[in-house]
Protein backbone atom coordinates (compact mmCIF):
# COMPACT_ATOMS: atom_id res chain seq x y z
CA MET A 1 0.00 0.00 0.00
CA HIS A 2 1.09 3.56 -0.61
CA GLY A 3 3.51 4.59 2.11
CA ASN A 4 3.95 1.06 3.43
CA GLU A 5 6.51 -1.63 2.79
CA THR A 6 5.83 -3.93 -0.14
CA LEU A 7 4.90 -7.47 0.86
CA ALA A 8 6.95 -10.18 -0.75
CA ALA A 9 4.56 -12.05 -3.01
CA ASP A 10 5.80 -13.91 -6.05
CA PRO A 11 3.33 -15.20 -8.65
CA ALA A 12 6.03 -17.43 -10.23
CA GLY A 13 4.47 -20.61 -8.83
CA LEU A 14 0.96 -19.87 -10.04
CA PRO A 15 -0.60 -21.79 -12.93
CA ASP A 16 -0.88 -20.03 -16.29
CA HIS A 17 -4.65 -19.66 -15.89
CA ALA A 18 -4.41 -17.86 -12.52
CA ILE A 19 -5.98 -14.46 -11.94
CA VAL A 20 -4.00 -12.23 -9.57
CA THR A 21 -5.76 -9.49 -7.63
CA ASP A 22 -4.48 -6.81 -5.29
CA ILE A 23 -6.89 -4.60 -3.32
CA VAL A 24 -4.38 -1.74 -3.25
CA TYR A 25 -5.34 1.15 -5.54
CA VAL A 26 -2.45 3.57 -4.93
CA PRO A 27 -0.44 2.69 -6.88
CA LEU A 28 -2.75 0.89 -9.32
CA GLU A 29 0.16 -1.17 -10.64
CA THR A 30 1.61 -2.83 -7.54
CA PRO A 31 4.79 -4.92 -7.68
CA LEU A 32 2.59 -8.04 -7.37
CA LEU A 33 0.43 -7.05 -10.35
CA ALA A 34 3.49 -6.04 -12.39
CA ALA A 35 5.09 -9.43 -11.73
CA ALA A 36 1.86 -11.23 -12.66
CA ARG A 37 1.50 -9.22 -15.88
CA ALA A 38 5.12 -10.02 -16.75
CA ARG A 39 4.04 -13.68 -16.61
CA ARG A 40 1.02 -12.80 -18.81
CA LEU A 41 -1.43 -13.64 -16.04
CA LYS A 42 -4.76 -11.84 -15.82
CA THR A 43 -4.77 -9.16 -13.13
CA VAL A 44 -7.33 -7.11 -11.21
CA ASP A 45 -6.37 -3.95 -9.33
CA GLY A 46 -8.09 -2.61 -6.21
CA LEU A 47 -9.91 0.33 -7.79
CA GLY A 48 -13.06 -1.66 -8.54
CA MET A 49 -13.39 -2.59 -4.88
CA LEU A 50 -12.97 1.05 -3.84
CA LEU A 51 -15.61 2.27 -6.28
CA HIS A 52 -18.16 -0.45 -5.57
CA GLN A 53 -17.81 -0.37 -1.77
CA ALA A 54 -18.61 3.37 -1.87
CA VAL A 55 -22.03 2.79 -3.47
CA PRO A 56 -24.01 1.87 -0.30
CA GLY A 57 -22.58 4.80 1.70
CA PHE A 58 -23.25 7.27 -1.10
CA GLU A 59 -26.80 5.97 -1.46
CA ARG A 60 -27.44 6.29 2.27
CA TRP A 61 -26.05 9.84 2.47
CA PHE A 62 -27.51 11.26 -0.74
CA GLY A 63 -30.64 9.15 -1.25
CA ARG A 64 -29.71 7.91 -4.70
CA LYS A 65 -27.61 5.05 -5.95
CA PRO A 66 -24.57 6.14 -7.97
CA GLU A 67 -23.58 4.29 -11.10
CA VAL A 68 -20.05 2.92 -11.30
CA THR A 69 -19.20 3.44 -14.97
CA PRO A 70 -16.09 3.12 -17.11
CA GLU A 71 -16.03 6.93 -17.30
CA LEU A 72 -16.00 7.19 -13.49
CA ARG A 73 -13.12 4.72 -13.38
CA ARG A 74 -11.20 6.76 -16.00
CA MET A 75 -11.72 9.94 -13.94
CA ILE A 76 -10.48 8.29 -10.73
CA VAL A 77 -7.48 6.75 -12.51
CA ALA A 78 -6.58 10.19 -13.92
CA ASP A 79 -6.81 11.66 -10.41
CA ILE A 80 -4.71 8.90 -8.85
CA GLU A 81 -2.09 9.25 -11.57
CA GLY A 82 -2.07 13.05 -11.25
CA HIS A 83 -3.47 13.92 -14.69
């Protein structure tokens, strides 16, 4: 996680059909995900979890359910990456 030590996790022993996920979203490309992508494994970053776990709280506070869209993801990625 951002500001914390990286955990030693090596996807080298995983089968070729493995999917590697990391719930960290800053940075989006963690060392674990980078290593998995280098092995051509499918990867999932933590941004989806962040966006989808916010839905119930937003709905409770504002009385309407927000939509998690590809455009919302692009906006958050741009913010995280400083664009």
